């Protein structure tokens, strides 16, 4: 049944009218505000923002050293663009030198970053982990680049029916080996899309904790008040000890 309701967006703080074809199945990508001032933000961005602003004030975020990987050009990324004064946005352009700028985006391989140690207070990435061949190398690199007490907040599609995460695409001497049918998601830096390499399950916090020094928390919400409905609303919070 079609949904239409009022909610306060946790990114822009405006009360808006949200619409979706139903109250669950389509909402991760299909629940949007009419006349959204932030370029049609989607549910995972609102979920991440709700977590972010529960941990840091908006004033505090303006001066934190922030790294966002693969910014989407809308929603929370757009808020950071306008408000965070010490931000770095990064993207992946393998045909260009890593550590250089491509427009306003710094070219980075998340699995082998060029940033110095302990240079950020906050790292964000939304729906990036499922496209990395070595996601736990990327998480270890984030741990390295975060200062003591720093936080990483991210989203990744997490399958309710999976107790164990599964890698479904591998680098090989012949290129890329794919298990099953290939799946691609939209990519703000590449119109051809991004191959899904991992499907994550309930064990993801354990996998992260075993491979890094992070403490891991997961928040999942269903809330009309902030327009966060649907499957896969998990937001992961990684804290580097002080």
Foldseek 3Di string as FASTA:
>chain_A
DKDWDWAQALQPRDIFIWIAHDFAAGQQAGIFTDPDPFPTDGQLLSLLSVVVCVVDPLVRQQEFQEEEEQDDSGRNSVSCVVRHPNYAYAYADPVDDAQDDDDRHGHADLLDGPAAFQQGQEYEYEAPQQQDQCSLSSLQSVLRNHHAFHKYKYFHQEDAVDAAKDFAWHQDPVGIDGHPDWDFDDGSVDRVGGTGGMHHYPCVQVVNVVSHVWDKDKDADRDPNNSNHYHRNIMMMTTHHD
